[in-house]
């Protein structure tokens, strides 16, 4: 249920000259206005009563209570009386109430108590304040323990044979809308606060090279950066630059097994907190090139313990699965513990229309050598896909045991 808003405007007594001034100049600084707003903070709770028949005979005025639940800053609870709350009814009715279970005075709220139809016909028994006009306004609970509900909610004899009982259980749903009120006056200011651009400032620092105090040699290229930024973003760089086992030559650190564009992409993320434009970085708009860069960047993110970057790369690779790159992506997913990416790749390869084409790629040969155990998992996925395809062909109503007259099972051909 959403948040409802009700506005009340009281009568305003002003001299005739004020009305004339308002009509001729609606922005008269001597004229002000305010609005009284009432909103409901809504929530609901479902209470299942199992073993309903065992609750009979509990006694008039004895109840079964739900766990407390929070709505609008207050605690609430559902109270169900299997033998009724009113002694005068001689246990002929069940009673149902919602109670304020926390300290509070003058708590105003709307309520809805629903006995759920469990037959699927959706003929629920509903008593509700919501979506109807209330002459007396919302109900006010004066103190902790105050209740709203019905002593004669449902006749017991009718309830026992109704669709509201299923497997000896009842299902009750309670909705509460706590009324919150406030008065709003005119805004005295309107200041537009721009979005944070700290990433842009750090990015410009990287691009300018100003105050750079560390250099990296990557694939024969020298790349400058700032120690404090790197150490703040990566625990691996922190240990390398400031830890007890830091590199002796921190003026120019050689980075092995990484290409310069990949290291630049890594630095871009560390300063800008966003991925670079892969097409601009690779110099081509080919899909495979962006995927290849994403693969290398995932390895770099794992190497420098940058978890958010690793997850971003994993998410992007999940969207870019293709025949010519999926095998190498699967190998990386296995080596760097990217479980969702691994599942996406396995399902993609196992599809009948993809399997043969993937097996003919160089990446599949790399997969067989680097991660041979994955081939077993791939075979299991292939088997599952074939089983599902067979089930879809047979349809839900066909029976594999069709040779009933012959008294034998007919094995389908796969």
Protein backbone atom coordinates (compact mmCIF):
# COMPACT_ATOMS: atom_id res chain seq x y z
CA UNK A 1 0.00 0.00 0.00
CA UNK A 2 1.32 3.38 -0.91
CA UNK A 3 1.63 6.57 1.08
CA UNK A 4 -1.53 8.67 1.04
CA UNK A 5 -1.64 12.43 1.53
CA UNK A 6 -4.54 14.52 2.82
CA UNK A 7 -4.47 18.31 3.03
CA UNK A 8 -6.76 20.49 5.13
CA UNK A 9 -7.06 24.26 4.62
CA UNK A 10 -8.82 26.17 7.37
CA UNK A 11 -10.85 29.37 6.82
CA UNK A 12 -8.77 32.50 6.44
CA UNK A 13 -10.19 35.87 7.60
CA UNK A 14 -8.60 38.89 5.98
CA UNK A 15 -9.69 42.48 5.34
CA UNK A 16 -11.09 43.25 1.86
CA UNK A 17 -7.96 45.16 0.90
CA UNK A 18 -5.91 41.98 1.38
CA UNK A 19 -8.03 40.11 -1.19
CA UNK A 20 -7.65 42.96 -3.65
CA UNK A 21 -3.90 43.03 -3.13
CA UNK A 22 -3.64 39.24 -3.60
CA UNK A 23 -5.48 39.30 -6.93
CA UNK A 24 -3.49 42.17 -8.34
CA UNK A 25 -0.09 41.03 -7.08
CA UNK A 26 0.10 37.30 -6.19
CA UNK A 27 3.76 37.67 -5.06
CA UNK A 28 3.05 40.29 -2.41
CA UNK A 29 5.84 39.78 0.19
CA UNK A 30 3.41 40.75 2.99
CA UNK A 31 1.16 37.79 2.23
CA UNK A 32 2.26 34.31 3.37
CA UNK A 33 0.67 30.85 3.34
CA UNK A 34 1.06 27.49 5.05
CA UNK A 35 -0.33 24.00 4.54
CA UNK A 36 -1.29 21.32 7.03
CA UNK A 37 -0.35 17.87 5.70
CA UNK A 38 -1.39 14.45 6.95
CA UNK A 39 0.24 11.34 5.53
CA UNK A 40 -0.07 7.66 6.33
CA UNK A 41 2.99 5.46 6.83
CA UNK A 42 1.74 2.03 5.78
CA UNK A 43 2.79 -1.52 6.53
CA UNK A 44 1.31 -4.98 6.87
CA UNK A 45 1.84 -8.29 8.65
CA UNK A 46 0.65 -11.82 7.83
CA UNK A 47 -0.15 -14.13 10.73
CA UNK A 48 -0.63 -17.88 10.20
CA UNK A 49 -2.49 -19.87 12.85
CA UNK A 50 -1.59 -23.55 12.44
CA UNK A 51 -3.52 -26.20 14.32
CA UNK A 52 -6.63 -24.03 14.50
CA UNK A 53 -8.81 -26.88 15.84
CA UNK A 54 -6.44 -27.29 18.81
CA UNK A 55 -7.04 -23.67 19.85
CA UNK A 56 -10.74 -24.24 20.45
CA UNK A 57 -11.67 -24.43 24.10
CA UNK A 58 -8.89 -22.04 25.06
CA UNK A 59 -11.49 -20.00 26.89
CA UNK A 60 -13.47 -16.83 26.36
CA UNK A 61 -11.17 -13.81 26.52
CA UNK A 62 -8.06 -15.93 25.91
CA UNK A 63 -6.08 -15.05 22.83
CA UNK A 64 -3.35 -16.12 20.44
CA UNK A 65 -0.98 -13.27 19.58
CA UNK A 66 1.25 -12.73 16.58
CA UNK A 67 4.82 -11.56 16.77
CA UNK A 68 5.11 -7.77 17.00
CA UNK A 69 5.73 -5.80 13.80
CA UNK A 70 6.81 -2.22 13.20
CA UNK A 71 4.83 0.40 11.28
CA UNK A 72 5.23 4.16 11.51
CA UNK A 73 7.62 4.06 14.47
CA UNK A 74 5.25 1.96 16.62
CA UNK A 75 4.97 -1.75 17.42
CA UNK A 76 1.78 -3.65 16.67
CA UNK A 77 0.42 -7.15 17.21
CA UNK A 78 -2.57 -9.22 16.02
CA UNK A 79 -4.79 -10.82 18.67
CA UNK A 80 -7.02 -13.76 17.72
CA UNK A 81 -9.62 -15.04 20.20
CA UNK A 82 -10.70 -18.56 19.10
CA UNK A 83 -13.53 -18.64 21.71
CA UNK A 84 -14.37 -14.97 21.37
CA UNK A 85 -13.63 -11.93 23.52
CA UNK A 86 -17.16 -11.16 24.67
CA UNK A 87 -18.60 -13.43 27.45
CA UNK A 88 -22.14 -12.59 26.33
CA UNK A 89 -21.64 -14.41 23.00
CA UNK A 90 -20.94 -17.79 24.70
CA UNK A 91 -18.06 -18.61 22.31
CA UNK A 92 -20.32 -18.35 19.25
CA UNK A 93 -17.92 -16.00 17.44
CA UNK A 94 -14.18 -15.68 16.95
CA UNK A 95 -12.77 -12.23 17.69
CA UNK A 96 -9.95 -10.47 15.85
CA UNK A 97 -8.09 -7.31 16.92
CA UNK A 98 -4.94 -5.31 16.24
CA UNK A 99 -3.28 -3.72 19.25
CA UNK A 100 -0.68 -1.05 19.92
CA UNK A 101 2.23 -3.02 21.40
CA UNK A 102 4.58 -0.14 22.22
CA UNK A 103 4.41 2.95 24.38
CA UNK A 104 2.41 5.77 22.83
CA UNK A 105 -0.42 8.19 23.46
CA UNK A 106 -2.94 9.44 20.95
CA UNK A 107 -1.61 7.30 18.09
CA UNK A 108 -3.90 7.86 15.11
CA UNK A 109 -4.10 5.11 12.50
CA UNK A 110 -6.11 3.36 9.81
CA UNK A 111 -6.55 -0.42 9.98
CA UNK A 112 -7.52 -3.36 7.83
CA UNK A 113 -8.11 -6.92 9.10
CA UNK A 114 -8.42 -9.65 6.50
CA UNK A 115 -9.23 -13.34 6.91
CA UNK A 116 -7.68 -14.88 3.80
CA UNK A 117 -9.64 -17.22 1.52
CA UNK A 118 -7.28 -20.16 1.03
CA UNK A 119 -9.26 -21.86 -1.76
CA UNK A 120 -7.92 -19.57 -4.48
CA UNK A 121 -11.30 -17.89 -5.02
CA UNK A 122 -10.01 -14.72 -3.30
CA UNK A 123 -13.26 -14.17 -1.41
CA UNK A 124 -11.50 -12.73 1.59
CA UNK A 125 -13.29 -11.48 4.69
CA UNK A 126 -12.17 -7.85 4.95
CA UNK A 127 -12.85 -5.09 7.48
CA UNK A 128 -11.03 -1.95 6.38
CA UNK A 129 -10.58 1.76 7.02
CA UNK A 130 -8.67 2.18 3.78
CA UNK A 131 -10.20 3.40 0.53
CA UNK A 132 -13.40 4.65 2.12
CA UNK A 133 -14.53 7.89 3.75
CA UNK A 134 -14.38 7.94 7.55
CA UNK A 135 -16.89 10.22 9.24
CA UNK A 136 -15.00 10.16 12.52
CA UNK A 137 -11.53 10.22 10.94
CA UNK A 138 -8.72 7.76 11.77
CA UNK A 139 -8.99 5.64 14.91
CA UNK A 140 -7.09 6.94 17.96
CA UNK A 141 -5.31 4.54 20.32
CA UNK A 142 -4.79 6.26 23.64
CA UNK A 143 -2.17 4.04 25.26
CA UNK A 144 -0.21 0.79 24.96
CA UNK A 145 -2.59 -2.17 24.72
CA UNK A 146 -5.36 -0.18 23.04
CA UNK A 147 -7.13 -2.29 20.39
CA UNK A 148 -9.18 -1.98 17.25
CA UNK A 149 -11.14 -4.89 15.81
CA UNK A 150 -14.30 -6.96 16.05
CA UNK A 151 -15.66 -9.09 18.86
CA UNK A 152 -17.96 -10.81 16.38
CA UNK A 153 -15.54 -11.12 13.49
CA UNK A 154 -16.85 -14.48 12.22
CA UNK A 155 -19.30 -17.10 13.45
CA UNK A 156 -17.42 -20.18 14.64
CA UNK A 157 -19.73 -22.81 13.13
CA UNK A 158 -19.52 -21.15 9.72
CA UNK A 159 -15.75 -20.68 9.96
CA UNK A 160 -15.08 -24.38 10.61
CA UNK A 161 -16.56 -25.41 7.23
CA UNK A 162 -15.42 -22.40 5.19
CA UNK A 163 -12.68 -21.86 2.62
CA UNK A 164 -10.82 -19.78 5.19
CA UNK A 165 -9.60 -22.99 6.86
CA UNK A 166 -7.04 -25.09 4.99
CA UNK A 167 -4.98 -27.90 6.46
CA UNK A 168 -6.31 -26.89 9.88
CA UNK A 169 -4.80 -23.42 9.56
CA UNK A 170 -6.02 -19.82 9.25
CA UNK A 171 -4.25 -16.95 7.54
CA UNK A 172 -4.81 -13.40 8.83
CA UNK A 173 -3.42 -10.25 7.23
CA UNK A 174 -3.33 -6.94 9.08
CA UNK A 175 -2.55 -3.59 7.44
CA UNK A 176 -1.79 -0.48 9.48
CA UNK A 177 -1.52 3.10 8.28
CA UNK A 178 -0.09 5.40 10.97
CA UNK A 179 -1.08 9.04 10.49
CA UNK A 180 1.75 11.57 10.50
CA UNK A 181 0.87 15.28 10.41
CA UNK A 182 2.87 18.45 9.99
CA UNK A 183 2.48 22.07 8.93
CA UNK A 184 4.58 23.39 6.07
CA UNK A 185 5.35 27.08 5.65
CA UNK A 186 6.85 28.92 2.72
CA UNK A 187 10.39 28.00 1.66
CA UNK A 188 12.80 30.70 2.68
CA UNK A 189 15.53 29.57 0.30
CA UNK A 190 16.12 27.52 -2.81
CA UNK A 191 19.73 26.43 -3.21
CA UNK A 192 20.61 24.07 -6.07
CA UNK A 193 23.37 21.73 -4.85
CA UNK A 194 25.30 20.14 -7.74
CA UNK A 195 26.27 16.48 -7.85
CA UNK A 196 29.64 15.50 -6.43
CA UNK A 197 32.46 15.85 -8.95
CA UNK A 198 35.31 14.54 -6.82
CA UNK A 199 35.95 11.78 -9.37
CA UNK A 200 36.37 14.37 -12.10
CA UNK A 201 38.88 16.30 -10.00
CA UNK A 202 40.95 13.19 -9.30
CA UNK A 203 40.71 12.18 -12.95
CA UNK A 204 42.05 15.56 -14.04
CA UNK A 205 44.88 15.13 -11.53
CA UNK A 206 45.83 11.85 -13.24
CA UNK A 207 45.64 13.34 -16.73
CA UNK A 208 47.68 16.42 -15.81
CA UNK A 209 50.41 14.45 -14.07
CA UNK A 210 50.87 17.27 -11.55
CA UNK A 211 52.54 16.30 -8.26
CA UNK A 212 52.99 12.71 -9.47
CA UNK A 213 55.47 10.97 -7.19
CA UNK A 214 55.68 7.41 -8.51
CA UNK A 215 56.33 5.93 -11.95
CA UNK A 216 55.54 2.52 -13.40
CA UNK A 217 57.22 0.81 -16.29
CA UNK A 218 54.55 -1.25 -18.07
CA UNK A 219 55.41 -3.10 -21.28
CA UNK A 220 58.17 -0.57 -22.01
CA UNK A 221 56.01 2.50 -21.34
CA UNK A 222 56.45 4.86 -18.36
CA UNK A 223 53.22 5.83 -16.57
CA UNK A 224 53.09 8.34 -13.70
CA UNK A 225 50.69 8.32 -10.72
CA UNK A 226 50.28 9.44 -7.09
CA UNK A 227 51.24 7.18 -4.19
CA UNK A 228 48.49 8.29 -1.81
CA UNK A 229 45.71 7.76 -4.35
CA UNK A 230 46.95 4.28 -5.25
CA UNK A 231 47.46 3.30 -1.62
CA UNK A 232 43.99 4.54 -0.70
CA UNK A 233 42.29 2.58 -3.49
CA UNK A 234 44.22 -0.70 -3.35
CA UNK A 235 45.60 -2.64 -0.36
CA UNK A 236 48.14 -4.24 -2.68
CA UNK A 237 49.53 -0.85 -3.75
CA UNK A 238 49.44 0.26 -0.11
CA UNK A 239 51.70 -2.62 0.87
CA UNK A 240 53.90 -2.13 -2.19
CA UNK A 241 54.39 1.59 -1.62
CA UNK A 242 54.22 2.02 2.18
CA UNK A 243 54.30 -1.41 3.82
CA UNK A 244 57.23 -3.07 5.58
CA UNK A 245 57.90 -5.18 2.48
CA UNK A 246 57.67 -2.22 0.07
CA UNK A 247 59.68 -2.23 -3.14
CA UNK A 248 63.17 -0.82 -2.76
CA UNK A 249 62.97 1.16 -5.98
CA UNK A 250 59.62 2.97 -5.63
CA UNK A 251 60.64 5.76 -8.01
CA UNK A 252 60.01 3.49 -10.99
CA UNK A 253 58.26 0.17 -10.40
CA UNK A 254 58.25 -2.44 -13.14
CA UNK A 255 54.90 -4.14 -13.67
CA UNK A 256 55.21 -7.62 -15.13
CA UNK A 257 52.63 -9.60 -17.15
CA UNK A 258 50.39 -6.64 -17.98
CA UNK A 259 49.93 -4.49 -21.08
CA UNK A 260 50.07 -0.70 -20.85
CA UNK A 261 46.43 -0.09 -21.96
CA UNK A 262 45.20 -2.44 -19.22
CA UNK A 263 47.25 -0.66 -16.55
CA UNK A 264 45.95 2.70 -17.81
CA UNK A 265 42.39 1.39 -17.56
CA UNK A 266 43.12 0.26 -14.00
CA UNK A 267 44.42 3.74 -13.08
CA UNK A 268 41.43 5.37 -14.77
CA UNK A 269 39.09 3.47 -12.48
CA UNK A 270 41.17 4.25 -9.40
CA UNK A 271 40.97 8.00 -10.07
CA UNK A 272 37.61 8.43 -11.81
CA UNK A 273 35.75 5.56 -10.04
CA UNK A 274 34.30 4.53 -13.39
CA UNK A 275 35.30 2.34 -16.31
CA UNK A 276 37.02 4.00 -19.27
CA UNK A 277 35.59 4.03 -22.79
CA UNK A 278 36.72 0.62 -24.06
CA UNK A 279 36.42 1.59 -27.73
CA UNK A 280 38.59 4.64 -27.19
CA UNK A 281 41.09 2.61 -25.18
CA UNK A 282 41.37 -0.23 -27.73
CA UNK A 283 41.12 2.00 -30.80
CA UNK A 284 38.37 -0.13 -32.34
CA UNK A 285 34.62 -0.61 -31.97
CA UNK A 286 34.86 -4.38 -32.38
CA UNK A 287 32.97 -6.26 -29.69
CA UNK A 288 35.70 -8.84 -29.23
CA UNK A 289 38.27 -6.11 -28.47
CA UNK A 290 36.16 -4.66 -25.65
CA UNK A 291 35.58 -8.16 -24.27
CA UNK A 292 39.31 -8.90 -24.38
CA UNK A 293 40.06 -5.66 -22.53
CA UNK A 294 37.36 -6.54 -19.96
CA UNK A 295 39.00 -9.93 -19.42
CA UNK A 296 42.44 -8.38 -18.83
CA UNK A 297 40.98 -5.72 -16.55
CA UNK A 298 39.23 -8.37 -14.45
CA UNK A 299 42.60 -10.10 -13.95
CA UNK A 300 44.18 -6.77 -12.98
CA UNK A 301 41.36 -5.99 -10.53
CA UNK A 302 41.86 -9.33 -8.84
CA UNK A 303 45.61 -8.85 -8.77
CA UNK A 304 45.32 -5.51 -6.96
CA UNK A 305 42.38 -6.56 -4.71
CA UNK A 306 39.91 -4.06 -6.16
CA UNK A 307 36.64 -5.89 -5.55
CA UNK A 308 34.24 -3.33 -7.00
CA UNK A 309 36.17 -3.18 -10.26
CA UNK A 310 36.28 -6.97 -10.40
CA UNK A 311 32.50 -7.17 -10.00
CA UNK A 312 31.96 -4.48 -12.66
CA UNK A 313 34.11 -6.43 -15.09
CA UNK A 314 32.24 -9.64 -14.24
CA UNK A 315 28.87 -7.96 -14.85
CA UNK A 316 30.00 -6.55 -18.21
CA UNK A 317 31.42 -9.88 -19.35
CA UNK A 318 28.12 -11.58 -18.47
CA UNK A 319 26.45 -9.26 -21.00
CA UNK A 320 29.11 -9.74 -23.68
CA UNK A 321 29.19 -13.54 -23.99
CA UNK A 322 29.93 -14.54 -27.59
CA UNK A 323 31.04 -17.61 -29.54
CA UNK A 324 34.65 -16.51 -30.14
CA UNK A 325 35.38 -15.32 -26.58
CA UNK A 326 33.20 -17.39 -24.24
CA UNK A 327 35.74 -20.19 -23.70
CA UNK A 328 38.51 -17.84 -22.49
CA UNK A 329 35.97 -15.94 -20.39
CA UNK A 330 34.91 -19.23 -18.77
CA UNK A 331 38.54 -20.06 -17.96
CA UNK A 332 39.01 -16.65 -16.32
CA UNK A 333 35.77 -17.04 -14.37
CA UNK A 334 37.03 -20.33 -12.97
CA UNK A 335 40.50 -19.01 -12.13
CA UNK A 336 39.25 -15.82 -10.45
CA UNK A 337 36.19 -17.27 -8.68
CA UNK A 338 33.54 -15.37 -10.66
CA UNK A 339 30.73 -17.84 -10.03
CA UNK A 340 27.89 -15.99 -11.78
CA UNK A 341 30.02 -15.39 -14.87
CA UNK A 342 30.97 -19.07 -14.87
CA UNK A 343 27.32 -20.15 -14.81
CA UNK A 344 26.43 -17.78 -17.67
CA UNK A 345 29.28 -19.13 -19.82
CA UNK A 346 28.45 -22.78 -19.15
CA UNK A 347 24.80 -22.29 -20.06
CA UNK A 348 25.75 -20.42 -23.23
CA UNK A 349 28.20 -23.09 -24.42
CA UNK A 350 25.80 -25.95 -23.59
CA UNK A 351 23.13 -24.69 -25.99
CA UNK A 352 22.97 -26.99 -29.05
CA UNK A 353 23.30 -24.07 -31.47
CA UNK A 354 26.51 -22.85 -29.73
CA UNK A 355 28.38 -25.96 -28.62
CA UNK A 356 29.94 -27.07 -31.91
CA UNK A 357 31.01 -23.53 -32.89
CA UNK A 358 32.62 -22.88 -29.49
CA UNK A 359 34.54 -26.19 -29.65
CA UNK A 360 36.19 -25.03 -32.88
CA UNK A 361 37.65 -21.85 -31.36
CA UNK A 362 41.22 -21.42 -30.11
CA UNK A 363 39.77 -20.37 -26.76
CA UNK A 364 38.28 -23.83 -26.27
CA UNK A 365 41.72 -25.40 -26.77
CA UNK A 366 43.06 -23.01 -24.11
CA UNK A 367 40.17 -24.01 -21.82
CA UNK A 368 40.97 -27.72 -22.17
CA UNK A 369 44.59 -27.14 -21.22
CA UNK A 370 44.16 -24.56 -18.44
CA UNK A 371 40.97 -25.86 -16.77
CA UNK A 372 40.41 -29.53 -17.72
CA UNK A 373 38.04 -30.10 -14.78
CA UNK A 374 35.61 -27.64 -16.35
CA UNK A 375 34.95 -30.06 -19.19
CA UNK A 376 33.14 -32.38 -16.79
CA UNK A 377 30.89 -29.55 -15.61
CA UNK A 378 30.28 -28.57 -19.21
CA UNK A 379 29.17 -32.11 -20.05
CA UNK A 380 26.71 -32.00 -17.15
CA UNK A 381 25.24 -28.74 -18.48
CA UNK A 382 24.96 -30.25 -21.97
CA UNK A 383 23.11 -33.24 -20.53
CA UNK A 384 20.69 -30.98 -18.66
CA UNK A 385 19.96 -28.94 -21.78
CA UNK A 386 19.23 -32.13 -23.74
CA UNK A 387 16.93 -33.40 -21.00
CA UNK A 388 15.00 -30.12 -21.01
CA UNK A 389 14.78 -30.20 -24.81
CA UNK A 390 13.42 -33.75 -24.68
CA UNK A 391 10.84 -32.80 -22.06
CA UNK A 392 9.74 -29.83 -24.16
CA UNK A 393 9.31 -32.05 -27.25
CA UNK A 394 7.26 -34.64 -25.38
CA UNK A 395 5.05 -32.06 -23.71
CA UNK A 396 3.63 -32.20 -20.16
CA UNK A 397 0.81 -34.65 -21.01
CA UNK A 398 2.82 -37.39 -22.74
CA UNK A 399 3.76 -40.53 -20.83
CA UNK A 400 7.03 -42.32 -21.52
CA UNK A 401 5.41 -45.53 -20.22
CA UNK A 402 3.22 -45.75 -23.32
CA UNK A 403 3.28 -49.49 -23.99
CA UNK A 404 0.63 -50.18 -21.37
CA UNK A 405 -0.98 -53.01 -23.34
CA UNK A 406 2.32 -54.79 -23.69
CA UNK A 407 3.13 -54.15 -20.02
CA UNK A 408 6.58 -52.81 -20.71
CA UNK A 409 8.34 -49.41 -20.63
CA UNK A 410 9.20 -47.89 -23.98
CA UNK A 411 12.56 -46.14 -23.84
CA UNK A 412 12.56 -42.91 -25.89
CA UNK A 413 15.29 -42.35 -28.44
CA UNK A 414 17.49 -39.37 -27.72
